[in-house]
Amino acid sequence: MTKKEALLKAAEHKVRLGGYDNFSFRELANEVGIKSASVHYHFATKADLGAELAHQYTDSFLAALGEPADIQAEGKDPIEVYTQLFRGSLVTDDKMCLCGLLGAQSESLPEKVRIEVKRFFNENLAWLKAAHAANGEKNPSHAAIITISLLEGAMMISKALNDHSHFELATQ
């Protein structure tokens, strides 16, 4: 793993636990084992790091999903696959969705980061719309917003109450 990748991984961990303000370059440098000034070699500003983090998270999330039509061709329900990805973040990693957490803070985020968070939600809504359409949903746009809202909300409630059964109940 390169130092840049290690910095992004450390930043993701901190953001998913406590939001955008939950890290500093100095903390990341200590965690990765480099000097604080060296963080600036990879990321000129915290906004640059945050934007790249959200961009990378979006790309990884969508890559983990694959295409709805391909999932359906394998005999699986794309919406269930999507739900399982959220469940894994919550139950296995015990963390919130990075962009869901950042989205709740969007008014206080730098513009670069806000753009990437919007990209996450726009890309996910498009994916969900295609998935619901593939499942024969009459109003796939409506179903898409309901799906992502339910998952992000169920995740937040489960974390706030420290009880993952709320996520399971919401997603039944």
N, C-alpha and C. Protein backbone atom coordinates (compact mmCIF):
# COMPACT_ATOMS: atom_id res chain seq x y z
N MET A 1 0.85 -1.17 0.00
CA MET A 1 0.00 0.00 0.00
C MET A 1 0.90 1.25 0.00
N THR A 2 0.60 2.18 -0.89
CA THR A 2 1.38 3.41 -0.95
C THR A 2 1.00 4.31 0.23
N LYS A 3 1.80 5.32 0.47
CA LYS A 3 1.49 6.28 1.56
C LYS A 3 0.18 7.00 1.26
N LYS A 4 -0.05 7.33 0.01
CA LYS A 4 -1.30 8.00 -0.36
C LYS A 4 -2.50 7.10 -0.06
N GLU A 5 -2.40 5.83 -0.42
CA GLU A 5 -3.48 4.88 -0.14
C GLU A 5 -3.68 4.71 1.36
N ALA A 6 -2.58 4.67 2.11
CA ALA A 6 -2.67 4.55 3.56
C ALA A 6 -3.33 5.78 4.17
N LEU A 7 -3.04 6.95 3.64
CA LEU A 7 -3.66 8.18 4.13
C LEU A 7 -5.17 8.17 3.85
N LEU A 8 -5.54 7.75 2.66
CA LEU A 8 -6.96 7.67 2.32
C LEU A 8 -7.69 6.65 3.19
N LYS A 9 -7.05 5.53 3.44
CA LYS A 9 -7.66 4.49 4.28
C LYS A 9 -7.84 5.01 5.71
N ALA A 10 -6.82 5.66 6.24
CA ALA A 10 -6.90 6.21 7.60
C ALA A 10 -7.98 7.30 7.68
N ALA A 11 -8.03 8.15 6.66
CA ALA A 11 -9.04 9.22 6.64
C ALA A 11 -10.44 8.64 6.54
N GLU A 12 -10.61 7.61 5.71
CA GLU A 12 -11.93 6.99 5.58
C GLU A 12 -12.40 6.43 6.93
N HIS A 13 -11.52 5.76 7.60
CA HIS A 13 -11.86 5.18 8.91
C HIS A 13 -12.33 6.29 9.86
N LYS A 14 -11.59 7.37 9.92
CA LYS A 14 -11.92 8.46 10.83
C LYS A 14 -13.23 9.15 10.44
N VAL A 15 -13.42 9.40 9.14
CA VAL A 15 -14.64 10.07 8.69
C VAL A 15 -15.86 9.19 8.95
N ARG A 16 -15.75 7.89 8.67
CA ARG A 16 -16.89 7.00 8.87
C ARG A 16 -17.24 6.82 10.34
N LEU A 17 -16.31 7.14 11.21
CA LEU A 17 -16.60 7.08 12.65
C LEU A 17 -17.13 8.40 13.20
N GLY A 18 -16.68 9.53 12.63
CA GLY A 18 -17.04 10.80 13.24
C GLY A 18 -17.22 11.99 12.33
N GLY A 19 -17.25 11.77 11.04
CA GLY A 19 -17.50 12.86 10.12
C GLY A 19 -16.24 13.55 9.63
N TYR A 20 -16.45 14.55 8.80
CA TYR A 20 -15.37 15.25 8.12
C TYR A 20 -14.40 15.92 9.09
N ASP A 21 -14.90 16.42 10.19
CA ASP A 21 -14.04 17.13 11.14
C ASP A 21 -13.33 16.19 12.11
N ASN A 22 -13.45 14.89 11.90
CA ASN A 22 -12.88 13.91 12.82
C ASN A 22 -11.42 13.56 12.51
N PHE A 23 -10.76 14.34 11.66
CA PHE A 23 -9.35 14.06 11.38
C PHE A 23 -8.61 15.35 11.05
N SER A 24 -7.33 15.30 11.28
CA SER A 24 -6.44 16.37 10.87
C SER A 24 -5.27 15.74 10.11
N PHE A 25 -4.54 16.54 9.36
CA PHE A 25 -3.38 16.03 8.66
C PHE A 25 -2.36 15.47 9.65
N ARG A 26 -2.22 16.12 10.78
CA ARG A 26 -1.26 15.67 11.79
C ARG A 26 -1.62 14.28 12.30
N GLU A 27 -2.91 14.05 12.58
CA GLU A 27 -3.36 12.74 13.05
C GLU A 27 -3.13 11.66 12.00
N LEU A 28 -3.46 11.98 10.74
CA LEU A 28 -3.25 11.02 9.66
C LEU A 28 -1.77 10.71 9.49
N ALA A 29 -0.94 11.74 9.56
CA ALA A 29 0.50 11.54 9.42
C ALA A 29 1.02 10.61 10.52
N ASN A 30 0.61 10.83 11.75
CA ASN A 30 1.03 9.97 12.86
C ASN A 30 0.59 8.53 12.64
N GLU A 31 -0.63 8.37 12.17
CA GLU A 31 -1.16 7.02 11.97
C GLU A 31 -0.41 6.28 10.86
N VAL A 32 -0.03 7.00 9.82
CA VAL A 32 0.63 6.39 8.67
C VAL A 32 2.14 6.31 8.87
N GLY A 33 2.66 7.11 9.79
CA GLY A 33 4.09 7.08 10.07
C GLY A 33 4.91 8.00 9.19
N ILE A 34 4.34 9.14 8.85
CA ILE A 34 5.06 10.14 8.06
C ILE A 34 4.95 11.49 8.76
N LYS A 35 5.69 12.46 8.25
CA LYS A 35 5.61 13.81 8.80
C LYS A 35 4.35 14.50 8.29
N SER A 36 3.82 15.39 9.11
CA SER A 36 2.60 16.10 8.74
C SER A 36 2.75 16.83 7.41
N ALA A 37 3.91 17.43 7.18
CA ALA A 37 4.14 18.14 5.92
C ALA A 37 4.08 17.19 4.73
N SER A 38 4.39 15.92 4.94
CA SER A 38 4.35 14.94 3.85
C SER A 38 2.93 14.66 3.37
N VAL A 39 1.95 14.86 4.24
CA VAL A 39 0.56 14.68 3.83
C VAL A 39 0.24 15.68 2.72
N HIS A 40 0.79 16.89 2.85
CA HIS A 40 0.54 17.94 1.85
C HIS A 40 1.17 17.60 0.50
N TYR A 41 2.13 16.71 0.48
CA TYR A 41 2.71 16.25 -0.78
C TYR A 41 1.64 15.52 -1.60
N HIS A 42 0.79 14.77 -0.93
CA HIS A 42 -0.25 13.99 -1.59
C HIS A 42 -1.54 14.77 -1.76
N PHE A 43 -1.86 15.61 -0.78
CA PHE A 43 -3.11 16.37 -0.79
C PHE A 43 -2.81 17.79 -0.34
N ALA A 44 -2.97 18.76 -1.23
CA ALA A 44 -2.64 20.14 -0.90
C ALA A 44 -3.48 20.66 0.27
N THR A 45 -4.75 20.24 0.30
CA THR A 45 -5.65 20.71 1.35
C THR A 45 -6.50 19.55 1.86
N LYS A 46 -7.12 19.79 2.99
CA LYS A 46 -8.05 18.79 3.54
C LYS A 46 -9.22 18.58 2.57
N ALA A 47 -9.64 19.65 1.89
CA ALA A 47 -10.73 19.54 0.91
C ALA A 47 -10.33 18.62 -0.24
N ASP A 48 -9.07 18.70 -0.68
CA ASP A 48 -8.60 17.81 -1.74
C ASP A 48 -8.64 16.36 -1.28
N LEU A 49 -8.20 16.12 -0.05
CA LEU A 49 -8.23 14.76 0.50
C LEU A 49 -9.68 14.29 0.62
N GLY A 50 -10.55 15.12 1.17
CA GLY A 50 -11.95 14.74 1.33
C GLY A 50 -12.64 14.45 0.02
N ALA A 51 -12.35 15.26 -1.00
CA ALA A 51 -12.96 15.05 -2.32
C ALA A 51 -12.47 13.74 -2.93
N GLU A 52 -11.18 13.48 -2.83
CA GLU A 52 -10.65 12.23 -3.39
C GLU A 52 -11.20 11.03 -2.61
N LEU A 53 -11.34 11.17 -1.32
CA LEU A 53 -11.89 10.10 -0.49
C LEU A 53 -13.31 9.76 -0.92
N ALA A 54 -14.16 10.78 -1.07
CA ALA A 54 -15.54 10.55 -1.49
C ALA A 54 -15.61 10.00 -2.91
N HIS A 55 -14.73 10.47 -3.78
CA HIS A 55 -14.69 9.98 -5.15
C HIS A 55 -14.32 8.49 -5.18
N GLN A 56 -13.28 8.16 -4.45
CA GLN A 56 -12.82 6.76 -4.38
C GLN A 56 -13.88 5.87 -3.76
N TYR A 57 -14.54 6.35 -2.72
CA TYR A 57 -15.59 5.57 -2.05
C TYR A 57 -16.73 5.28 -3.03
N THR A 58 -17.13 6.29 -3.79
CA THR A 58 -18.20 6.12 -4.77
C THR A 58 -17.81 5.08 -5.81
N ASP A 59 -16.61 5.22 -6.35
CA ASP A 59 -16.15 4.27 -7.36
C ASP A 59 -16.09 2.84 -6.82
N SER A 60 -15.58 2.68 -5.61
CA SER A 60 -15.48 1.35 -5.00
C SER A 60 -16.85 0.76 -4.72
N PHE A 61 -17.75 1.60 -4.23
CA PHE A 61 -19.11 1.16 -3.92
C PHE A 61 -19.80 0.65 -5.18
N LEU A 62 -19.73 1.44 -6.25
CA LEU A 62 -20.39 1.05 -7.50
C LEU A 62 -19.72 -0.17 -8.13
N ALA A 63 -18.41 -0.26 -8.03
CA ALA A 63 -17.70 -1.42 -8.57
C ALA A 63 -18.10 -2.69 -7.82
N ALA A 64 -18.30 -2.58 -6.51
CA ALA A 64 -18.71 -3.73 -5.71
C ALA A 64 -20.10 -4.21 -6.11
N LEU A 65 -20.92 -3.29 -6.58
CA LEU A 65 -22.28 -3.66 -6.99
C LEU A 65 -22.31 -4.37 -8.33
N GLY A 66 -21.65 -3.80 -9.31
CA GLY A 66 -21.79 -4.31 -10.67
C GLY A 66 -23.02 -3.70 -11.31
N GLU A 67 -23.41 -4.23 -12.44
CA GLU A 67 -24.56 -3.72 -13.18
C GLU A 67 -25.83 -4.46 -12.78
N PRO A 68 -26.94 -3.73 -12.61
CA PRO A 68 -28.21 -4.40 -12.23
C PRO A 68 -28.61 -5.53 -13.18
N ALA A 69 -28.44 -5.32 -14.48
CA ALA A 69 -28.83 -6.35 -15.46
C ALA A 69 -27.97 -7.61 -15.30
N ASP A 70 -26.69 -7.42 -15.02
CA ASP A 70 -25.79 -8.57 -14.82
C ASP A 70 -26.18 -9.34 -13.55
N ILE A 71 -26.53 -8.61 -12.51
CA ILE A 71 -26.94 -9.23 -11.24
C ILE A 71 -28.21 -10.04 -11.46
N GLN A 72 -29.15 -9.45 -12.18
CA GLN A 72 -30.41 -10.13 -12.44
C GLN A 72 -30.19 -11.36 -13.33
N ALA A 73 -29.25 -11.26 -14.27
CA ALA A 73 -28.93 -12.40 -15.14
C ALA A 73 -28.36 -13.57 -14.35
N GLU A 74 -27.75 -13.27 -13.19
CA GLU A 74 -27.24 -14.32 -12.31
C GLU A 74 -28.33 -14.90 -11.41
N GLY A 75 -29.56 -14.42 -11.58
CA GLY A 75 -30.67 -14.92 -10.79
C GLY A 75 -30.80 -14.26 -9.43
N LYS A 76 -30.13 -13.13 -9.25
CA LYS A 76 -30.19 -12.41 -7.97
C LYS A 76 -31.02 -11.14 -8.13
N ASP A 77 -31.53 -10.66 -7.01
CA ASP A 77 -32.27 -9.41 -6.98
C ASP A 77 -31.28 -8.26 -6.76
N PRO A 78 -31.17 -7.32 -7.71
CA PRO A 78 -30.22 -6.23 -7.55
C PRO A 78 -30.45 -5.39 -6.28
N ILE A 79 -31.69 -5.23 -5.89
CA ILE A 79 -31.98 -4.44 -4.69
C ILE A 79 -31.49 -5.15 -3.44
N GLU A 80 -31.59 -6.47 -3.43
CA GLU A 80 -31.06 -7.25 -2.30
C GLU A 80 -29.54 -7.17 -2.25
N VAL A 81 -28.88 -7.20 -3.40
CA VAL A 81 -27.43 -7.06 -3.45
C VAL A 81 -27.03 -5.69 -2.93
N TYR A 82 -27.76 -4.67 -3.31
CA TYR A 82 -27.51 -3.30 -2.85
C TYR A 82 -27.66 -3.22 -1.33
N THR A 83 -28.74 -3.80 -0.83
CA THR A 83 -29.00 -3.81 0.61
C THR A 83 -27.90 -4.54 1.36
N GLN A 84 -27.42 -5.63 0.80
CA GLN A 84 -26.34 -6.40 1.45
C GLN A 84 -25.06 -5.59 1.57
N LEU A 85 -24.80 -4.72 0.61
CA LEU A 85 -23.61 -3.88 0.68
C LEU A 85 -23.72 -2.91 1.86
N PHE A 86 -24.88 -2.34 2.05
CA PHE A 86 -25.12 -1.48 3.21
C PHE A 86 -25.02 -2.28 4.50
N ARG A 87 -25.63 -3.47 4.50
CA ARG A 87 -25.61 -4.31 5.70
C ARG A 87 -24.17 -4.65 6.08
N GLY A 88 -23.35 -4.95 5.10
CA GLY A 88 -21.95 -5.27 5.37
C GLY A 88 -21.22 -4.12 6.03
N SER A 89 -21.47 -2.90 5.56
CA SER A 89 -20.85 -1.72 6.17
C SER A 89 -21.26 -1.59 7.63
N LEU A 90 -22.52 -1.79 7.88
CA LEU A 90 -23.04 -1.60 9.23
C LEU A 90 -22.69 -2.77 10.15
N VAL A 91 -23.01 -3.96 9.74
CA VAL A 91 -22.88 -5.12 10.62
C VAL A 91 -21.43 -5.62 10.70
N THR A 92 -20.77 -5.75 9.56
CA THR A 92 -19.41 -6.26 9.55
C THR A 92 -18.39 -5.20 9.97
N ASP A 93 -18.50 -4.02 9.35
CA ASP A 93 -17.53 -2.95 9.63
C ASP A 93 -17.94 -2.07 10.80
N ASP A 94 -19.20 -2.13 11.19
CA ASP A 94 -19.76 -1.28 12.25
C ASP A 94 -19.53 0.20 11.95
N LYS A 95 -19.75 0.56 10.68
CA LYS A 95 -19.55 1.93 10.25
C LYS A 95 -20.71 2.41 9.39
N MET A 96 -20.84 3.72 9.34
CA MET A 96 -21.83 4.37 8.49
C MET A 96 -21.32 4.41 7.05
N CYS A 97 -22.22 4.63 6.13
CA CYS A 97 -21.86 4.92 4.75
C CYS A 97 -21.12 6.26 4.75
N LEU A 98 -19.94 6.29 4.18
CA LEU A 98 -19.12 7.50 4.18
C LEU A 98 -19.88 8.69 3.59
N CYS A 99 -20.48 8.52 2.43
CA CYS A 99 -21.16 9.64 1.79
C CYS A 99 -22.49 9.97 2.46
N GLY A 100 -23.10 9.00 3.10
CA GLY A 100 -24.30 9.30 3.89
C GLY A 100 -23.96 10.21 5.06
N LEU A 101 -22.87 9.89 5.71
CA LEU A 101 -22.40 10.70 6.83
C LEU A 101 -22.00 12.09 6.36
N LEU A 102 -21.26 12.15 5.26
CA LEU A 102 -20.86 13.45 4.72
C LEU A 102 -22.07 14.23 4.20
N GLY A 103 -23.03 13.53 3.64
CA GLY A 103 -24.23 14.20 3.14
C GLY A 103 -24.98 14.93 4.24
N ALA A 104 -24.98 14.35 5.43
CA ALA A 104 -25.63 15.00 6.56
C ALA A 104 -24.89 16.27 6.99
N GLN A 105 -23.64 16.38 6.60
CA GLN A 105 -22.82 17.54 6.94
C GLN A 105 -22.62 18.47 5.74
N SER A 106 -23.34 18.27 4.67
CA SER A 106 -23.02 18.92 3.40
C SER A 106 -22.94 20.44 3.47
N GLU A 107 -23.73 21.06 4.29
CA GLU A 107 -23.70 22.52 4.35
C GLU A 107 -22.38 23.06 4.89
N SER A 108 -21.68 22.26 5.67
CA SER A 108 -20.41 22.72 6.24
C SER A 108 -19.19 22.16 5.52
N LEU A 109 -19.40 21.42 4.45
CA LEU A 109 -18.28 20.82 3.71
C LEU A 109 -17.75 21.79 2.65
N PRO A 110 -16.47 21.67 2.34
CA PRO A 110 -15.93 22.43 1.22
C PRO A 110 -16.62 22.00 -0.08
N GLU A 111 -16.70 22.92 -1.03
CA GLU A 111 -17.41 22.66 -2.29
C GLU A 111 -16.90 21.41 -3.00
N LYS A 112 -15.59 21.18 -3.03
CA LYS A 112 -15.02 20.00 -3.69
C LYS A 112 -15.59 18.72 -3.12
N VAL A 113 -15.74 18.68 -1.82
CA VAL A 113 -16.26 17.48 -1.15
C VAL A 113 -17.75 17.35 -1.43
N ARG A 114 -18.48 18.45 -1.35
CA ARG A 114 -19.93 18.43 -1.63
C ARG A 114 -20.20 17.88 -3.02
N ILE A 115 -19.39 18.28 -4.00
CA ILE A 115 -19.58 17.80 -5.38
C ILE A 115 -19.45 16.29 -5.44
N GLU A 116 -18.48 15.74 -4.74
CA GLU A 116 -18.27 14.29 -4.76
C GLU A 116 -19.36 13.54 -3.99
N VAL A 117 -19.87 14.14 -2.93
CA VAL A 117 -20.98 13.52 -2.19
C VAL A 117 -22.23 13.51 -3.06
N LYS A 118 -22.48 14.60 -3.77
CA LYS A 118 -23.61 14.64 -4.69
C LYS A 118 -23.45 13.57 -5.77
N ARG A 119 -22.23 13.40 -6.24
CA ARG A 119 -21.96 12.37 -7.25
C ARG A 119 -22.34 10.99 -6.72
N PHE A 120 -21.97 10.71 -5.47
CA PHE A 120 -22.33 9.42 -4.87
C PHE A 120 -23.84 9.20 -4.95
N PHE A 121 -24.60 10.18 -4.49
CA PHE A 121 -26.05 10.01 -4.45
C PHE A 121 -26.66 9.98 -5.85
N ASN A 122 -26.18 10.82 -6.76
CA ASN A 122 -26.71 10.78 -8.13
C ASN A 122 -26.41 9.45 -8.80
N GLU A 123 -25.19 8.94 -8.64
CA GLU A 123 -24.83 7.65 -9.24
C GLU A 123 -25.63 6.51 -8.61
N ASN A 124 -25.82 6.57 -7.30
CA ASN A 124 -26.59 5.52 -6.63
C ASN A 124 -28.05 5.57 -7.01
N LEU A 125 -28.61 6.77 -7.12
CA LEU A 125 -30.00 6.88 -7.54
C LEU A 125 -30.19 6.35 -8.97
N ALA A 126 -29.24 6.64 -9.85
CA ALA A 126 -29.32 6.12 -11.22
C ALA A 126 -29.23 4.60 -11.22
N TRP A 127 -28.32 4.05 -10.40
CA TRP A 127 -28.18 2.60 -10.31
C TRP A 127 -29.46 1.97 -9.79
N LEU A 128 -29.99 2.55 -8.73
CA LEU A 128 -31.22 2.02 -8.14
C LEU A 128 -32.41 2.15 -9.09
N LYS A 129 -32.48 3.23 -9.82
CA LYS A 129 -33.56 3.40 -10.80
C LYS A 129 -33.49 2.28 -11.84
N ALA A 130 -32.27 2.00 -12.33
CA ALA A 130 -32.11 0.90 -13.30
C ALA A 130 -32.47 -0.44 -12.67
N ALA A 131 -32.08 -0.64 -11.43
CA ALA A 131 -32.37 -1.90 -10.74
C ALA A 131 -33.87 -2.08 -10.54
N HIS A 132 -34.53 -1.02 -10.11
CA HIS A 132 -35.99 -1.12 -9.91
C HIS A 132 -36.71 -1.30 -11.25
N ALA A 133 -36.22 -0.64 -12.28
CA ALA A 133 -36.82 -0.81 -13.61
C ALA A 133 -36.66 -2.26 -14.07
N ALA A 134 -35.48 -2.82 -13.84
CA ALA A 134 -35.22 -4.22 -14.22
C ALA A 134 -36.14 -5.18 -13.46
N ASN A 135 -36.53 -4.77 -12.25
CA ASN A 135 -37.43 -5.59 -11.44
C ASN A 135 -38.90 -5.34 -11.78
N GLY A 136 -39.15 -4.48 -12.77
CA GLY A 136 -40.53 -4.23 -13.20
C GLY A 136 -41.27 -3.18 -12.39
N GLU A 137 -40.57 -2.41 -11.60
CA GLU A 137 -41.19 -1.36 -10.80
C GLU A 137 -41.84 -0.33 -11.71
N LYS A 138 -43.07 0.08 -11.39
CA LYS A 138 -43.80 1.03 -12.23
C LYS A 138 -43.22 2.45 -12.14
N ASN A 139 -42.70 2.82 -11.00
CA ASN A 139 -42.11 4.15 -10.83
C ASN A 139 -40.70 3.97 -10.25
N PRO A 140 -39.73 3.62 -11.08
CA PRO A 140 -38.39 3.30 -10.57
C PRO A 140 -37.69 4.49 -9.91
N SER A 141 -37.96 5.71 -10.35
CA SER A 141 -37.33 6.88 -9.71
C SER A 141 -37.80 7.03 -8.27
N HIS A 142 -39.07 6.85 -8.05
CA HIS A 142 -39.64 6.93 -6.71
C HIS A 142 -39.10 5.81 -5.83
N ALA A 143 -39.06 4.61 -6.38
CA ALA A 143 -38.55 3.46 -5.62
C ALA A 143 -37.08 3.65 -5.28
N ALA A 144 -36.32 4.27 -6.17
CA ALA A 144 -34.89 4.49 -5.93
C ALA A 144 -34.66 5.40 -4.72
N ILE A 145 -35.39 6.51 -4.67
CA ILE A 145 -35.20 7.44 -3.55
C ILE A 145 -35.68 6.82 -2.24
N ILE A 146 -36.73 6.03 -2.30
CA ILE A 146 -37.20 5.35 -1.09
C ILE A 146 -36.16 4.35 -0.61
N THR A 147 -35.56 3.60 -1.53
CA THR A 147 -34.57 2.59 -1.15
C THR A 147 -33.36 3.21 -0.46
N ILE A 148 -32.77 4.22 -1.08
CA ILE A 148 -31.56 4.80 -0.48
C ILE A 148 -31.89 5.54 0.81
N SER A 149 -33.04 6.18 0.85
CA SER A 149 -33.45 6.87 2.08
C SER A 149 -33.66 5.89 3.22
N LEU A 150 -34.30 4.78 2.92
CA LEU A 150 -34.54 3.76 3.94
C LEU A 150 -33.23 3.19 4.46
N LEU A 151 -32.30 2.89 3.56
CA LEU A 151 -31.04 2.27 3.98
C LEU A 151 -30.18 3.25 4.78
N GLU A 152 -30.05 4.47 4.30
CA GLU A 152 -29.24 5.46 5.03
C GLU A 152 -29.88 5.75 6.38
N GLY A 153 -31.19 5.89 6.41
CA GLY A 153 -31.89 6.16 7.67
C GLY A 153 -31.82 5.00 8.65
N ALA A 154 -32.01 3.79 8.15
CA ALA A 154 -31.94 2.62 9.01
C ALA A 154 -30.53 2.45 9.58
N MET A 155 -29.55 2.76 8.77
CA MET A 155 -28.16 2.69 9.21
C MET A 155 -27.92 3.71 10.34
N MET A 156 -28.40 4.93 10.15
CA MET A 156 -28.21 5.98 11.14
C MET A 156 -28.90 5.62 12.47
N ILE A 157 -30.11 5.14 12.40
CA ILE A 157 -30.84 4.77 13.61
C ILE A 157 -30.15 3.62 14.33
N SER A 158 -29.72 2.63 13.57
CA SER A 158 -29.03 1.48 14.16
C SER A 158 -27.74 1.90 14.86
N LYS A 159 -27.00 2.81 14.24
CA LYS A 159 -25.77 3.31 14.87
C LYS A 159 -26.09 4.14 16.11
N ALA A 160 -27.09 5.01 16.01
CA ALA A 160 -27.44 5.88 17.14
C ALA A 160 -27.90 5.07 18.35
N LEU A 161 -28.62 3.99 18.10
CA LEU A 161 -29.15 3.16 19.18
C LEU A 161 -28.24 1.98 19.51
N ASN A 162 -27.14 1.86 18.75
CA ASN A 162 -26.19 0.77 18.93
C ASN A 162 -26.90 -0.59 18.91
N ASP A 163 -27.77 -0.73 17.92
CA ASP A 163 -28.57 -1.95 17.81
C ASP A 163 -28.88 -2.20 16.33
N HIS A 164 -28.17 -3.15 15.75
CA HIS A 164 -28.33 -3.43 14.32
C HIS A 164 -29.66 -4.08 13.98
N SER A 165 -30.41 -4.50 14.97
CA SER A 165 -31.70 -5.12 14.67
C SER A 165 -32.66 -4.12 14.03
N HIS A 166 -32.44 -2.84 14.26
CA HIS A 166 -33.29 -1.83 13.64
C HIS A 166 -33.08 -1.80 12.12
N PHE A 167 -31.85 -1.99 11.70
CA PHE A 167 -31.56 -2.08 10.27
C PHE A 167 -32.24 -3.32 9.69
N GLU A 168 -32.13 -4.43 10.39
CA GLU A 168 -32.74 -5.68 9.92
C GLU A 168 -34.26 -5.55 9.82
N LEU A 169 -34.86 -4.93 10.79
CA LEU A 169 -36.31 -4.74 10.78
C LEU A 169 -36.72 -3.85 9.62
N ALA A 170 -35.99 -2.77 9.40
CA ALA A 170 -36.33 -1.84 8.32
C ALA A 170 -36.16 -2.46 6.95
N THR A 171 -35.25 -3.39 6.81
CA THR A 171 -34.96 -3.96 5.48
C THR A 171 -35.66 -5.28 5.20
N GLN A 172 -36.54 -5.71 6.09
CA GLN A 172 -37.28 -6.96 5.85
C GLN A 172 -38.27 -6.79 4.69
